[in-house]
């Protein structure tokens, strides 16, 4: 397994995650979306500034996509969904995980969502 798949599994297994949410450990790009989806994508890896010989900082984007055409419902779903996603990220038992910011986004120019930047400090293998 990898940090990306481990993070996706931890999000998926968390008790606060709504049952309807599907969690993907890859850059999922659906044609249609019938239920909210969480997508975990790996970004950059950098040297840890405090101990670069032992640790790396790996950045991930954890995105929440919501279905719908009604703008008011989509916004309401994102208000609740983004708070739930942040609660999950703060509560999961994942050593070295820190989220730094969340941004309103549009995935593939068709699905509204929220992208959270997460950094995980991990040991070199």
PDB file of N, CA and C in Angstrom:
ATOM      1  N   UNK A   1       0.840  -1.183   0.000  1.00  0.00           N
ATOM      2  CA  UNK A   1       0.000   0.000   0.000  1.00  0.00           C
ATOM      3  C   UNK A   1       0.885   1.246   0.000  1.00  0.00           C
ATOM      4  N   UNK A   2       0.270   2.351  -0.284  1.00  0.00           N
ATOM      5  CA  UNK A   2       0.976   3.622  -0.327  1.00  0.00           C
ATOM      6  C   UNK A   2       0.311   4.595   0.632  1.00  0.00           C
ATOM      7  N   UNK A   3       0.950   5.727   0.862  1.00  0.00           N
ATOM      8  CA  UNK A   3       0.329   6.752   1.703  1.00  0.00           C
ATOM      9  C   UNK A   3      -1.028   7.168   1.136  1.00  0.00           C
ATOM     10  N   UNK A   4      -1.107   7.297  -0.173  1.00  0.00           N
ATOM     11  CA  UNK A   4      -2.351   7.710  -0.828  1.00  0.00           C
ATOM     12  C   UNK A   4      -3.476   6.710  -0.567  1.00  0.00           C
ATOM     13  N   UNK A   5      -3.207   5.446  -0.775  1.00  0.00           N
ATOM     14  CA  UNK A   5      -4.246   4.440  -0.567  1.00  0.00           C
ATOM     15  C   UNK A   5      -4.568   4.275   0.920  1.00  0.00           C
ATOM     16  N   UNK A   6      -3.549   4.416   1.779  1.00  0.00           N
ATOM     17  CA  UNK A   6      -3.793   4.350   3.227  1.00  0.00           C
ATOM     18  C   UNK A   6      -4.678   5.507   3.683  1.00  0.00           C
ATOM     19  N   UNK A   7      -4.421   6.707   3.154  1.00  0.00           N
ATOM     20  CA  UNK A   7      -5.235   7.872   3.507  1.00  0.00           C
ATOM     21  C   UNK A   7      -6.672   7.680   3.032  1.00  0.00           C
ATOM     22  N   UNK A   8      -6.847   7.211   1.814  1.00  0.00           N
ATOM     23  CA  UNK A   8      -8.196   6.965   1.285  1.00  0.00           C
ATOM     24  C   UNK A   8      -8.928   5.922   2.142  1.00  0.00           C
ATOM     25  N   UNK A   9      -8.225   4.876   2.536  1.00  0.00           N
ATOM     26  CA  UNK A   9      -8.840   3.835   3.372  1.00  0.00           C
ATOM     27  C   UNK A   9      -9.230   4.387   4.743  1.00  0.00           C
ATOM     28  N   UNK A  10      -8.392   5.244   5.318  1.00  0.00           N
ATOM     29  CA  UNK A  10      -8.701   5.830   6.626  1.00  0.00           C
ATOM     30  C   UNK A  10      -9.930   6.737   6.544  1.00  0.00           C
ATOM     31  N   UNK A  11     -10.036   7.507   5.481  1.00  0.00           N
ATOM     32  CA  UNK A  11     -11.213   8.369   5.287  1.00  0.00           C
ATOM     33  C   UNK A  11     -12.455   7.506   5.111  1.00  0.00           C
ATOM     34  N   UNK A  12     -12.335   6.483   4.282  1.00  0.00           N
ATOM     35  CA  UNK A  12     -13.471   5.607   3.982  1.00  0.00           C
ATOM     36  C   UNK A  12     -13.982   4.882   5.225  1.00  0.00           C
ATOM     37  N   UNK A  13     -13.071   4.516   6.128  1.00  0.00           N
ATOM     38  CA  UNK A  13     -13.443   3.732   7.303  1.00  0.00           C
ATOM     39  C   UNK A  13     -13.934   4.577   8.470  1.00  0.00           C
ATOM     40  N   UNK A  14     -13.795   5.888   8.371  1.00  0.00           N
ATOM     41  CA  UNK A  14     -14.149   6.731   9.521  1.00  0.00           C
ATOM     42  C   UNK A  14     -15.658   6.744   9.759  1.00  0.00           C
ATOM     43  N   UNK A  15     -16.041   6.692  11.024  1.00  0.00           N
ATOM     44  CA  UNK A  15     -17.458   6.591  11.404  1.00  0.00           C
ATOM     45  C   UNK A  15     -18.274   7.818  11.005  1.00  0.00           C
ATOM     46  N   UNK A  16     -17.662   8.983  10.893  1.00  0.00           N
ATOM     47  CA  UNK A  16     -18.388  10.212  10.555  1.00  0.00           C
ATOM     48  C   UNK A  16     -18.707  10.294   9.064  1.00  0.00           C
ATOM     49  N   UNK A  17     -17.983   9.534   8.241  1.00  0.00           N
ATOM     50  CA  UNK A  17     -18.197   9.595   6.787  1.00  0.00           C
ATOM     51  C   UNK A  17     -19.617   9.154   6.451  1.00  0.00           C
ATOM     52  N   UNK A  18     -20.357  10.016   5.744  1.00  0.00           N
ATOM     53  CA  UNK A  18     -21.705   9.605   5.332  1.00  0.00           C
ATOM     54  C   UNK A  18     -21.663   8.348   4.459  1.00  0.00           C
ATOM     55  N   UNK A  19     -22.620   7.467   4.641  1.00  0.00           N
ATOM     56  CA  UNK A  19     -22.650   6.198   3.898  1.00  0.00           C
ATOM     57  C   UNK A  19     -22.701   6.405   2.386  1.00  0.00           C
ATOM     58  N   UNK A  20     -23.327   7.482   1.940  1.00  0.00           N
ATOM     59  CA  UNK A  20     -23.468   7.722   0.502  1.00  0.00           C
ATOM     60  C   UNK A  20     -22.154   8.110  -0.168  1.00  0.00           C
ATOM     61  N   UNK A  21     -21.204   8.613   0.598  1.00  0.00           N
ATOM     62  CA  UNK A  21     -19.933   9.048   0.013  1.00  0.00           C
ATOM     63  C   UNK A  21     -19.134   7.849  -0.481  1.00  0.00           C
ATOM     64  N   UNK A  22     -18.616   7.961  -1.684  1.00  0.00           N
ATOM     65  CA  UNK A  22     -17.682   6.979  -2.233  1.00  0.00           C
ATOM     66  C   UNK A  22     -16.292   7.602  -2.166  1.00  0.00           C
ATOM     67  N   UNK A  23     -15.293   6.819  -1.774  1.00  0.00           N
ATOM     68  CA  UNK A  23     -13.924   7.325  -1.645  1.00  0.00           C
ATOM     69  C   UNK A  23     -13.045   6.624  -2.671  1.00  0.00           C
ATOM     70  N   UNK A  24     -12.290   7.429  -3.429  1.00  0.00           N
ATOM     71  CA  UNK A  24     -11.414   6.910  -4.481  1.00  0.00           C
ATOM     72  C   UNK A  24      -9.979   7.328  -4.196  1.00  0.00           C
ATOM     73  N   UNK A  25      -9.049   6.401  -4.387  1.00  0.00           N
ATOM     74  CA  UNK A  25      -7.634   6.671  -4.153  1.00  0.00           C
ATOM     75  C   UNK A  25      -6.915   6.998  -5.465  1.00  0.00           C
ATOM     76  N   UNK A  26      -7.640   7.561  -6.394  1.00  0.00           N
ATOM     77  CA  UNK A  26      -7.056   7.963  -7.672  1.00  0.00           C
ATOM     78  C   UNK A  26      -7.844   9.147  -8.207  1.00  0.00           C
ATOM     79  N   UNK A  27      -7.346   9.732  -9.280  1.00  0.00           N
ATOM     80  CA  UNK A  27      -7.980  10.921  -9.865  1.00  0.00           C
ATOM     81  C   UNK A  27      -9.250  10.513 -10.609  1.00  0.00           C
ATOM     82  N   UNK A  28     -10.261  10.192  -9.863  1.00  0.00           N
ATOM     83  CA  UNK A  28     -11.560   9.752 -10.393  1.00  0.00           C
ATOM     84  C   UNK A  28     -12.197  10.899 -11.171  1.00  0.00           C
ATOM     85  N   UNK A  29     -12.623  10.594 -12.392  1.00  0.00           N
ATOM     86  CA  UNK A  29     -13.218  11.618 -13.248  1.00  0.00           C
ATOM     87  C   UNK A  29     -14.468  11.048 -13.910  1.00  0.00           C
ATOM     88  N   UNK A  30     -15.595  11.097 -13.196  1.00  0.00           N
ATOM     89  CA  UNK A  30     -16.805  10.462 -13.721  1.00  0.00           C
ATOM     90  C   UNK A  30     -17.491  11.283 -14.804  1.00  0.00           C
ATOM     91  N   UNK A  31     -18.246  10.589 -15.657  1.00  0.00           N
ATOM     92  CA  UNK A  31     -19.097  11.290 -16.617  1.00  0.00           C
ATOM     93  C   UNK A  31     -20.328  11.838 -15.903  1.00  0.00           C
ATOM     94  N   UNK A  32     -20.879  11.016 -15.015  1.00  0.00           N
ATOM     95  CA  UNK A  32     -22.026  11.404 -14.198  1.00  0.00           C
ATOM     96  C   UNK A  32     -21.698  11.104 -12.750  1.00  0.00           C
ATOM     97  N   UNK A  33     -22.316  11.855 -11.874  1.00  0.00           N
ATOM     98  CA  UNK A  33     -22.079  11.666 -10.451  1.00  0.00           C
ATOM     99  C   UNK A  33     -23.442  11.559  -9.770  1.00  0.00           C
ATOM    100  N   UNK A  34     -23.700  10.403  -9.159  1.00  0.00           N
ATOM    101  CA  UNK A  34     -25.002  10.207  -8.515  1.00  0.00           C
ATOM    102  C   UNK A  34     -24.930  10.364  -7.002  1.00  0.00           C
ATOM    103  N   UNK A  35     -23.720  10.336  -6.446  1.00  0.00           N
ATOM    104  CA  UNK A  35     -23.527  10.489  -5.006  1.00  0.00           C
ATOM    105  C   UNK A  35     -22.232  11.258  -4.783  1.00  0.00           C
ATOM    106  N   UNK A  36     -22.086  11.913  -3.642  1.00  0.00           N
ATOM    107  CA  UNK A  36     -20.829  12.617  -3.369  1.00  0.00           C
ATOM    108  C   UNK A  36     -19.640  11.668  -3.443  1.00  0.00           C
ATOM    109  N   UNK A  37     -18.533  12.197  -3.925  1.00  0.00           N
ATOM    110  CA  UNK A  37     -17.316  11.398  -4.059  1.00  0.00           C
ATOM    111  C   UNK A  37     -16.144  12.148  -3.441  1.00  0.00           C
ATOM    112  N   UNK A  38     -15.301  11.403  -2.732  1.00  0.00           N
ATOM    113  CA  UNK A  38     -14.050  11.936  -2.189  1.00  0.00           C
ATOM    114  C   UNK A  38     -12.923  11.331  -3.008  1.00  0.00           C
ATOM    115  N   UNK A  39     -12.034  12.191  -3.481  1.00  0.00           N
ATOM    116  CA  UNK A  39     -10.941  11.759  -4.340  1.00  0.00           C
ATOM    117  C   UNK A  39      -9.619  12.154  -3.689  1.00  0.00           C
ATOM    118  N   UNK A  40      -8.723  11.183  -3.496  1.00  0.00           N
ATOM    119  CA  UNK A  40      -7.417  11.437  -2.892  1.00  0.00           C
ATOM    120  C   UNK A  40      -6.361  11.357  -3.995  1.00  0.00           C
ATOM    121  N   UNK A  41      -5.655  12.491  -4.203  1.00  0.00           N
ATOM    122  CA  UNK A  41      -4.624  12.559  -5.234  1.00  0.00           C
ATOM    123  C   UNK A  41      -3.318  13.040  -4.625  1.00  0.00           C
ATOM    124  N   UNK A  42      -2.222  12.389  -5.011  1.00  0.00           N
ATOM    125  CA  UNK A  42      -0.919  12.808  -4.494  1.00  0.00           C
ATOM    126  C   UNK A  42      -0.389  13.951  -5.330  1.00  0.00           C
ATOM    127  N   UNK A  43       0.176  14.941  -4.635  1.00  0.00           N
ATOM    128  CA  UNK A  43       0.799  16.083  -5.298  1.00  0.00           C
ATOM    129  C   UNK A  43       2.306  15.970  -5.211  1.00  0.00           C
ATOM    130  N   UNK A  44       2.918  16.964  -4.603  1.00  0.00           N
ATOM    131  CA  UNK A  44       4.385  17.003  -4.550  1.00  0.00           C
ATOM    132  C   UNK A  44       4.928  16.397  -3.260  1.00  0.00           C
ATOM    133  N   UNK A  45       6.204  16.015  -3.327  1.00  0.00           N
ATOM    134  CA  UNK A  45       6.945  15.540  -2.168  1.00  0.00           C
ATOM    135  C   UNK A  45       8.154  16.443  -2.004  1.00  0.00           C
ATOM    136  N   UNK A  46       8.373  16.907  -0.777  1.00  0.00           N
ATOM    137  CA  UNK A  46       9.499  17.804  -0.499  1.00  0.00           C
ATOM    138  C   UNK A  46      10.282  17.308   0.706  1.00  0.00           C
ATOM    139  N   UNK A  47      11.493  17.840   0.858  1.00  0.00           N
ATOM    140  CA  UNK A  47      12.289  17.524   2.035  1.00  0.00           C
ATOM    141  C   UNK A  47      11.642  18.163   3.255  1.00  0.00           C
ATOM    142  N   UNK A  48      11.640  17.444   4.343  1.00  0.00           N
ATOM    143  CA  UNK A  48      11.155  18.006   5.595  1.00  0.00           C
ATOM    144  C   UNK A  48      12.196  19.016   6.078  1.00  0.00           C
ATOM    145  N   UNK A  49      11.753  20.215   6.416  1.00  0.00           N
ATOM    146  CA  UNK A  49      12.698  21.278   6.773  1.00  0.00           C
ATOM    147  C   UNK A  49      13.386  21.041   8.115  1.00  0.00           C
ATOM    148  N   UNK A  50      12.739  20.317   9.007  1.00  0.00           N
ATOM    149  CA  UNK A  50      13.340  20.079  10.327  1.00  0.00           C
ATOM    150  C   UNK A  50      14.346  18.938  10.335  1.00  0.00           C
ATOM    151  N   UNK A  51      14.114  17.923   9.517  1.00  0.00           N
ATOM    152  CA  UNK A  51      15.018  16.780   9.489  1.00  0.00           C
ATOM    153  C   UNK A  51      14.986  16.150   8.096  1.00  0.00           C
ATOM    154  N   UNK A  52      15.649  16.801   7.117  1.00  0.00           N
ATOM    155  CA  UNK A  52      15.560  16.341   5.725  1.00  0.00           C
ATOM    156  C   UNK A  52      16.191  14.986   5.448  1.00  0.00           C
ATOM    157  N   UNK A  53      17.061  14.507   6.330  1.00  0.00           N
ATOM    158  CA  UNK A  53      17.693  13.206   6.095  1.00  0.00           C
ATOM    159  C   UNK A  53      16.794  12.042   6.491  1.00  0.00           C
ATOM    160  N   UNK A  54      15.836  12.303   7.356  1.00  0.00           N
ATOM    161  CA  UNK A  54      14.987  11.223   7.849  1.00  0.00           C
ATOM    162  C   UNK A  54      13.545  11.291   7.363  1.00  0.00           C
ATOM    163  N   UNK A  55      13.062  12.499   7.041  1.00  0.00           N
ATOM    164  CA  UNK A  55      11.639  12.654   6.749  1.00  0.00           C
ATOM    165  C   UNK A  55      11.385  13.367   5.427  1.00  0.00           C
ATOM    166  N   UNK A  56      10.235  13.059   4.857  1.00  0.00           N
ATOM    167  CA  UNK A  56       9.726  13.741   3.669  1.00  0.00           C
ATOM    168  C   UNK A  56       8.326  14.257   3.979  1.00  0.00           C
ATOM    169  N   UNK A  57       7.966  15.341   3.327  1.00  0.00           N
ATOM    170  CA  UNK A  57       6.608  15.866   3.411  1.00  0.00           C
ATOM    171  C   UNK A  57       5.927  15.608   2.075  1.00  0.00           C
ATOM    172  N   UNK A  58       4.853  14.842   2.103  1.00  0.00           N
ATOM    173  CA  UNK A  58       4.122  14.520   0.884  1.00  0.00           C
ATOM    174  C   UNK A  58       2.774  15.226   0.924  1.00  0.00           C
ATOM    175  N   UNK A  59       2.500  15.967  -0.140  1.00  0.00           N
ATOM    176  CA  UNK A  59       1.259  16.736  -0.225  1.00  0.00           C
ATOM    177  C   UNK A  59       0.205  15.967  -1.010  1.00  0.00           C
ATOM    178  N   UNK A  60      -1.007  16.016  -0.505  1.00  0.00           N
ATOM    179  CA  UNK A  60      -2.143  15.380  -1.160  1.00  0.00           C
ATOM    180  C   UNK A  60      -3.253  16.405  -1.310  1.00  0.00           C
ATOM    181  N   UNK A  61      -4.074  16.211  -2.317  1.00  0.00           N
ATOM    182  CA  UNK A  61      -5.307  16.961  -2.462  1.00  0.00           C
ATOM    183  C   UNK A  61      -6.432  15.971  -2.187  1.00  0.00           C
ATOM    184  N   UNK A  62      -7.267  16.319  -1.217  1.00  0.00           N
ATOM    185  CA  UNK A  62      -8.428  15.492  -0.887  1.00  0.00           C
ATOM    186  C   UNK A  62      -9.649  16.293  -1.312  1.00  0.00           C
ATOM    187  N   UNK A  63     -10.270  15.837  -2.387  1.00  0.00           N
ATOM    188  CA  UNK A  63     -11.381  16.578  -2.961  1.00  0.00           C
ATOM    189  C   UNK A  63     -12.724  15.937  -2.688  1.00  0.00           C
ATOM    190  N   UNK A  64     -13.715  16.793  -2.467  1.00  0.00           N
ATOM    191  CA  UNK A  64     -15.096  16.340  -2.320  1.00  0.00           C
ATOM    192  C   UNK A  64     -15.886  16.882  -3.502  1.00  0.00           C
ATOM    193  N   UNK A  65     -16.464  15.979  -4.299  1.00  0.00           N
ATOM    194  CA  UNK A  65     -17.327  16.368  -5.419  1.00  0.00           C
ATOM    195  C   UNK A  65     -18.766  16.070  -5.034  1.00  0.00           C
ATOM    196  N   UNK A  66     -19.667  16.990  -5.363  1.00  0.00           N
ATOM    197  CA  UNK A  66     -21.081  16.744  -5.089  1.00  0.00           C
ATOM    198  C   UNK A  66     -21.887  16.814  -6.378  1.00  0.00           C
ATOM    199  N   UNK A  67     -22.896  15.948  -6.512  1.00  0.00           N
ATOM    200  CA  UNK A  67     -23.737  15.972  -7.708  1.00  0.00           C
ATOM    201  C   UNK A  67     -24.806  17.048  -7.592  1.00  0.00           C
ATOM    202  N   UNK A  68     -25.409  17.357  -8.703  1.00  0.00           N
ATOM    203  CA  UNK A  68     -26.570  18.235  -8.662  1.00  0.00           C
ATOM    204  C   UNK A  68     -26.508  19.382  -9.646  1.00  0.00           C
ATOM    205  N   UNK A  69     -27.686  19.832 -10.034  1.00  0.00           N
ATOM    206  CA  UNK A  69     -27.819  20.958 -10.952  1.00  0.00           C
ATOM    207  C   UNK A  69     -28.407  22.186 -10.278  1.00  0.00           C
ATOM    208  N   UNK A  70     -29.068  21.991  -9.143  1.00  0.00           N
ATOM    209  CA  UNK A  70     -29.670  23.101  -8.413  1.00  0.00           C
ATOM    210  C   UNK A  70     -28.571  23.813  -7.614  1.00  0.00           C
ATOM    211  N   UNK A  71     -28.216  25.046  -8.001  1.00  0.00           N
ATOM    212  CA  UNK A  71     -27.096  25.742  -7.359  1.00  0.00           C
ATOM    213  C   UNK A  71     -27.242  25.894  -5.848  1.00  0.00           C
ATOM    214  N   UNK A  72     -28.450  26.143  -5.369  1.00  0.00           N
ATOM    215  CA  UNK A  72     -28.645  26.318  -3.938  1.00  0.00           C
ATOM    216  C   UNK A  72     -28.408  25.012  -3.185  1.00  0.00           C
ATOM    217  N   UNK A  73     -28.908  23.890  -3.725  1.00  0.00           N
ATOM    218  CA  UNK A  73     -28.699  22.588  -3.084  1.00  0.00           C
ATOM    219  C   UNK A  73     -27.228  22.198  -3.112  1.00  0.00           C
ATOM    220  N   UNK A  74     -26.569  22.464  -4.250  1.00  0.00           N
ATOM    221  CA  UNK A  74     -25.141  22.147  -4.358  1.00  0.00           C
ATOM    222  C   UNK A  74     -24.362  22.912  -3.293  1.00  0.00           C
ATOM    223  N   UNK A  75     -24.644  24.203  -3.141  1.00  0.00           N
ATOM    224  CA  UNK A  75     -23.937  25.011  -2.141  1.00  0.00           C
ATOM    225  C   UNK A  75     -24.218  24.503  -0.726  1.00  0.00           C
ATOM    226  N   UNK A  76     -25.474  24.173  -0.458  1.00  0.00           N
ATOM    227  CA  UNK A  76     -25.821  23.637   0.859  1.00  0.00           C
ATOM    228  C   UNK A  76     -25.084  22.318   1.124  1.00  0.00           C
ATOM    229  N   UNK A  77     -25.046  21.440   0.110  1.00  0.00           N
ATOM    230  CA  UNK A  77     -24.346  20.160   0.247  1.00  0.00           C
ATOM    231  C   UNK A  77     -22.850  20.375   0.488  1.00  0.00           C
ATOM    232  N   UNK A  78     -22.277  21.378  -0.187  1.00  0.00           N
ATOM    233  CA  UNK A  78     -20.852  21.672   0.010  1.00  0.00           C
ATOM    234  C   UNK A  78     -20.579  22.277   1.381  1.00  0.00           C
ATOM    235  N   UNK A  79     -21.498  23.113   1.870  1.00  0.00           N
ATOM    236  CA  UNK A  79     -21.321  23.685   3.208  1.00  0.00           C
ATOM    237  C   UNK A  79     -21.197  22.569   4.242  1.00  0.00           C
ATOM    238  N   UNK A  80     -22.129  21.634   4.195  1.00  0.00           N
ATOM    239  CA  UNK A  80     -22.142  20.528   5.154  1.00  0.00           C
ATOM    240  C   UNK A  80     -21.004  19.551   4.850  1.00  0.00           C
ATOM    241  N   UNK A  81     -20.827  19.213   3.574  1.00  0.00           N
ATOM    242  CA  UNK A  81     -19.821  18.229   3.185  1.00  0.00           C
ATOM    243  C   UNK A  81     -18.402  18.667   3.488  1.00  0.00           C
ATOM    244  N   UNK A  82     -18.089  19.939   3.251  1.00  0.00           N
ATOM    245  CA  UNK A  82     -16.723  20.410   3.511  1.00  0.00           C
ATOM    246  C   UNK A  82     -16.416  20.363   5.008  1.00  0.00           C
ATOM    247  N   UNK A  83     -17.384  20.734   5.840  1.00  0.00           N
ATOM    248  CA  UNK A  83     -17.185  20.650   7.290  1.00  0.00           C
ATOM    249  C   UNK A  83     -16.997  19.199   7.737  1.00  0.00           C
ATOM    250  N   UNK A  84     -17.774  18.298   7.159  1.00  0.00           N
ATOM    251  CA  UNK A  84     -17.648  16.876   7.494  1.00  0.00           C
ATOM    252  C   UNK A  84     -16.281  16.349   7.082  1.00  0.00           C
ATOM    253  N   UNK A  85     -15.830  16.715   5.878  1.00  0.00           N
ATOM    254  CA  UNK A  85     -14.516  16.262   5.408  1.00  0.00           C
ATOM    255  C   UNK A  85     -13.409  16.775   6.318  1.00  0.00           C
ATOM    256  N   UNK A  86     -13.468  18.040   6.704  1.00  0.00           N
ATOM    257  CA  UNK A  86     -12.449  18.580   7.612  1.00  0.00           C
ATOM    258  C   UNK A  86     -12.501  17.890   8.971  1.00  0.00           C
ATOM    259  N   UNK A  87     -13.696  17.611   9.466  1.00  0.00           N
ATOM    260  CA  UNK A  87     -13.822  16.880  10.737  1.00  0.00           C
ATOM    261  C   UNK A  87     -13.161  15.508  10.647  1.00  0.00           C
ATOM    262  N   UNK A  88     -13.372  14.827   9.522  1.00  0.00           N
ATOM    263  CA  UNK A  88     -12.758  13.506   9.329  1.00  0.00           C
ATOM    264  C   UNK A  88     -11.238  13.627   9.307  1.00  0.00           C
ATOM    265  N   UNK A  89     -10.716  14.590   8.539  1.00  0.00           N
ATOM    266  CA  UNK A  89      -9.263  14.749   8.430  1.00  0.00           C
ATOM    267  C   UNK A  89      -8.630  15.088   9.777  1.00  0.00           C
ATOM    268  N   UNK A  90      -9.350  15.828  10.609  1.00  0.00           N
ATOM    269  CA  UNK A  90      -8.822  16.172  11.929  1.00  0.00           C
ATOM    270  C   UNK A  90      -8.936  15.008  12.912  1.00  0.00           C
ATOM    271  N   UNK A  91      -9.838  14.077  12.662  1.00  0.00           N
ATOM    272  CA  UNK A  91     -10.099  13.006  13.625  1.00  0.00           C
ATOM    273  C   UNK A  91      -9.405  11.687  13.302  1.00  0.00           C
ATOM    274  N   UNK A  92      -9.072  11.444  12.033  1.00  0.00           N
ATOM    275  CA  UNK A  92      -8.508  10.123  11.720  1.00  0.00           C
ATOM    276  C   UNK A  92      -7.138   9.957  12.369  1.00  0.00           C
ATOM    277  N   UNK A  93      -6.855   8.730  12.709  1.00  0.00           N
ATOM    278  CA  UNK A  93      -5.581   8.388  13.337  1.00  0.00           C
ATOM    279  C   UNK A  93      -4.567   8.126  12.234  1.00  0.00           C
ATOM    280  N   UNK A  94      -3.939   9.203  11.781  1.00  0.00           N
ATOM    281  CA  UNK A  94      -2.963   9.107  10.696  1.00  0.00           C
ATOM    282  C   UNK A  94      -1.758   9.966  11.082  1.00  0.00           C
ATOM    283  N   UNK A  95      -0.710   9.347  11.615  1.00  0.00           N
ATOM    284  CA  UNK A  95       0.444  10.110  12.107  1.00  0.00           C
ATOM    285  C   UNK A  95       1.030  11.025  11.030  1.00  0.00           C
ATOM    286  N   UNK A  96       1.351  12.242  11.432  1.00  0.00           N
ATOM    287  CA  UNK A  96       1.996  13.191  10.535  1.00  0.00           C
ATOM    288  C   UNK A  96       1.071  13.944   9.610  1.00  0.00           C
ATOM    289  N   UNK A  97      -0.257  13.750   9.725  1.00  0.00           N
ATOM    290  CA  UNK A  97      -1.206  14.395   8.817  1.00  0.00           C
ATOM    291  C   UNK A  97      -1.622  15.770   9.346  1.00  0.00           C
ATOM    292  N   UNK A  98      -1.516  16.769   8.478  1.00  0.00           N
ATOM    293  CA  UNK A  98      -1.968  18.122   8.788  1.00  0.00           C
ATOM    294  C   UNK A  98      -2.641  18.670   7.537  1.00  0.00           C
ATOM    295  N   UNK A  99      -3.845  19.227   7.684  1.00  0.00           N
ATOM    296  CA  UNK A  99      -4.461  19.909   6.540  1.00  0.00           C
ATOM    297  C   UNK A  99      -4.164  21.391   6.684  1.00  0.00           C
ATOM    298  N   UNK A 100      -3.946  22.069   5.543  1.00  0.00           N
ATOM    299  CA  UNK A 100      -3.550  23.469   5.604  1.00  0.00           C
ATOM    300  C   UNK A 100      -4.571  24.427   5.018  1.00  0.00           C
ATOM    301  N   UNK A 101      -5.314  24.005   4.012  1.00  0.00           N
ATOM    302  CA  UNK A 101      -6.317  24.894   3.439  1.00  0.00           C
ATOM    303  C   UNK A 101      -7.328  24.104   2.628  1.00  0.00           C
ATOM    304  N   UNK A 102      -8.502  24.694   2.498  1.00  0.00           N
ATOM    305  CA  UNK A 102      -9.558  24.120   1.673  1.00  0.00           C
ATOM    306  C   UNK A 102     -10.048  25.184   0.710  1.00  0.00           C
ATOM    307  N   UNK A 103     -10.316  24.786  -0.513  1.00  0.00           N
ATOM    308  CA  UNK A 103     -10.743  25.729  -1.542  1.00  0.00           C
ATOM    309  C   UNK A 103     -11.939  25.209  -2.312  1.00  0.00           C
ATOM    310  N   UNK A 104     -12.847  26.113  -2.624  1.00  0.00           N
ATOM    311  CA  UNK A 104     -14.002  25.798  -3.474  1.00  0.00           C
ATOM    312  C   UNK A 104     -13.479  25.632  -4.891  1.00  0.00           C
ATOM    313  N   UNK A 105     -13.823  24.527  -5.551  1.00  0.00           N
ATOM    314  CA  UNK A 105     -13.322  24.234  -6.895  1.00  0.00           C
ATOM    315  C   UNK A 105     -14.432  23.663  -7.765  1.00  0.00           C
ATOM    316  N   UNK A 106     -14.125  23.519  -9.044  1.00  0.00           N
ATOM    317  CA  UNK A 106     -15.005  22.820  -9.971  1.00  0.00           C
ATOM    318  C   UNK A 106     -14.158  21.738 -10.638  1.00  0.00           C
ATOM    319  N   UNK A 107     -14.575  20.481 -10.469  1.00  0.00           N
ATOM    320  CA  UNK A 107     -13.838  19.352 -11.016  1.00  0.00           C
ATOM    321  C   UNK A 107     -14.251  19.107 -12.463  1.00  0.00           C
ATOM    322  N   UNK A 108     -13.265  18.968 -13.332  1.00  0.00           N
ATOM    323  CA  UNK A 108     -13.503  18.676 -14.752  1.00  0.00           C
ATOM    324  C   UNK A 108     -14.506  19.641 -15.382  1.00  0.00           C
ATOM    325  N   UNK A 109     -14.587  20.821 -14.817  1.00  0.00           N
ATOM    326  CA  UNK A 109     -15.480  21.863 -15.326  1.00  0.00           C
ATOM    327  C   UNK A 109     -16.948  21.449 -15.300  1.00  0.00           C
ATOM    328  N   UNK A 110     -17.291  20.449 -14.447  1.00  0.00           N
ATOM    329  CA  UNK A 110     -18.695  20.047 -14.391  1.00  0.00           C
ATOM    330  C   UNK A 110     -19.218  19.745 -12.995  1.00  0.00           C
ATOM    331  N   UNK A 111     -18.363  19.357 -12.050  1.00  0.00           N
ATOM    332  CA  UNK A 111     -18.832  19.014 -10.712  1.00  0.00           C
ATOM    333  C   UNK A 111     -18.284  20.002  -9.697  1.00  0.00           C
ATOM    334  N   UNK A 112     -19.167  20.550  -8.893  1.00  0.00           N
ATOM    335  CA  UNK A 112     -18.744  21.477  -7.856  1.00  0.00           C
ATOM    336  C   UNK A 112     -18.135  20.700  -6.703  1.00  0.00           C
ATOM    337  N   UNK A 113     -17.170  21.321  -6.051  1.00  0.00           N
ATOM    338  CA  UNK A 113     -16.520  20.602  -4.976  1.00  0.00           C
ATOM    339  C   UNK A 113     -15.672  21.470  -4.090  1.00  0.00           C
ATOM    340  N   UNK A 114     -14.902  20.790  -3.267  1.00  0.00           N
ATOM    341  CA  UNK A 114     -14.062  21.408  -2.262  1.00  0.00           C
ATOM    342  C   UNK A 114     -12.776  20.602  -2.216  1.00  0.00           C
ATOM    343  N   UNK A 115     -11.637  21.254  -2.355  1.00  0.00           N
ATOM    344  CA  UNK A 115     -10.339  20.593  -2.359  1.00  0.00           C
ATOM    345  C   UNK A 115      -9.562  20.994  -1.115  1.00  0.00           C
ATOM    346  N   UNK A 116      -9.094  20.027  -0.368  1.00  0.00           N
ATOM    347  CA  UNK A 116      -8.333  20.282   0.851  1.00  0.00           C
ATOM    348  C   UNK A 116      -6.893  19.840   0.634  1.00  0.00           C
ATOM    349  N   UNK A 117      -5.958  20.728   0.949  1.00  0.00           N
ATOM    350  CA  UNK A 117      -4.538  20.397   0.871  1.00  0.00           C
ATOM    351  C   UNK A 117      -4.128  19.744   2.183  1.00  0.00           C
ATOM    352  N   UNK A 118      -3.561  18.547   2.066  1.00  0.00           N
ATOM    353  CA  UNK A 118      -3.139  17.762   3.224  1.00  0.00           C
ATOM    354  C   UNK A 118      -1.660  17.450   3.053  1.00  0.00           C
ATOM    355  N   UNK A 119      -0.893  17.595   4.130  1.00  0.00           N
ATOM    356  CA  UNK A 119       0.510  17.208   4.105  1.00  0.00           C
ATOM    357  C   UNK A 119       0.723  16.103   5.139  1.00  0.00           C
ATOM    358  N   UNK A 120       1.435  15.074   4.713  1.00  0.00           N
ATOM    359  CA  UNK A 120       1.782  13.977   5.618  1.00  0.00           C
ATOM    360  C   UNK A 120       3.299  13.900   5.690  1.00  0.00           C
ATOM    361  N   UNK A 121       3.822  14.007   6.906  1.00  0.00           N
ATOM    362  CA  UNK A 121       5.244  13.846   7.135  1.00  0.00           C
ATOM    363  C   UNK A 121       5.497  12.369   7.395  1.00  0.00           C
ATOM    364  N   UNK A 122       6.391  11.805   6.591  1.00  0.00           N
ATOM    365  CA  UNK A 122       6.651  10.376   6.716  1.00  0.00           C
ATOM    366  C   UNK A 122       8.147  10.102   6.649  1.00  0.00           C
ATOM    367  N   UNK A 123       8.544   8.951   7.159  1.00  0.00           N
ATOM    368  CA  UNK A 123       9.958   8.585   7.150  1.00  0.00           C
ATOM    369  C   UNK A 123      10.352   8.086   5.782  1.00  0.00           C
ATOM    370  N   UNK A 124      11.605   8.290   5.442  1.00  0.00           N
ATOM    371  CA  UNK A 124      12.131   7.734   4.205  1.00  0.00           C
ATOM    372  C   UNK A 124      12.222   6.222   4.367  1.00  0.00           C
ATOM    373  N   UNK A 125      11.958   5.529   3.280  1.00  0.00           N
ATOM    374  CA  UNK A 125      12.031   4.063   3.365  1.00  0.00           C
ATOM    375  C   UNK A 125      13.280   3.563   2.725  1.00  0.00           C
TER     376      UNK A 125
END
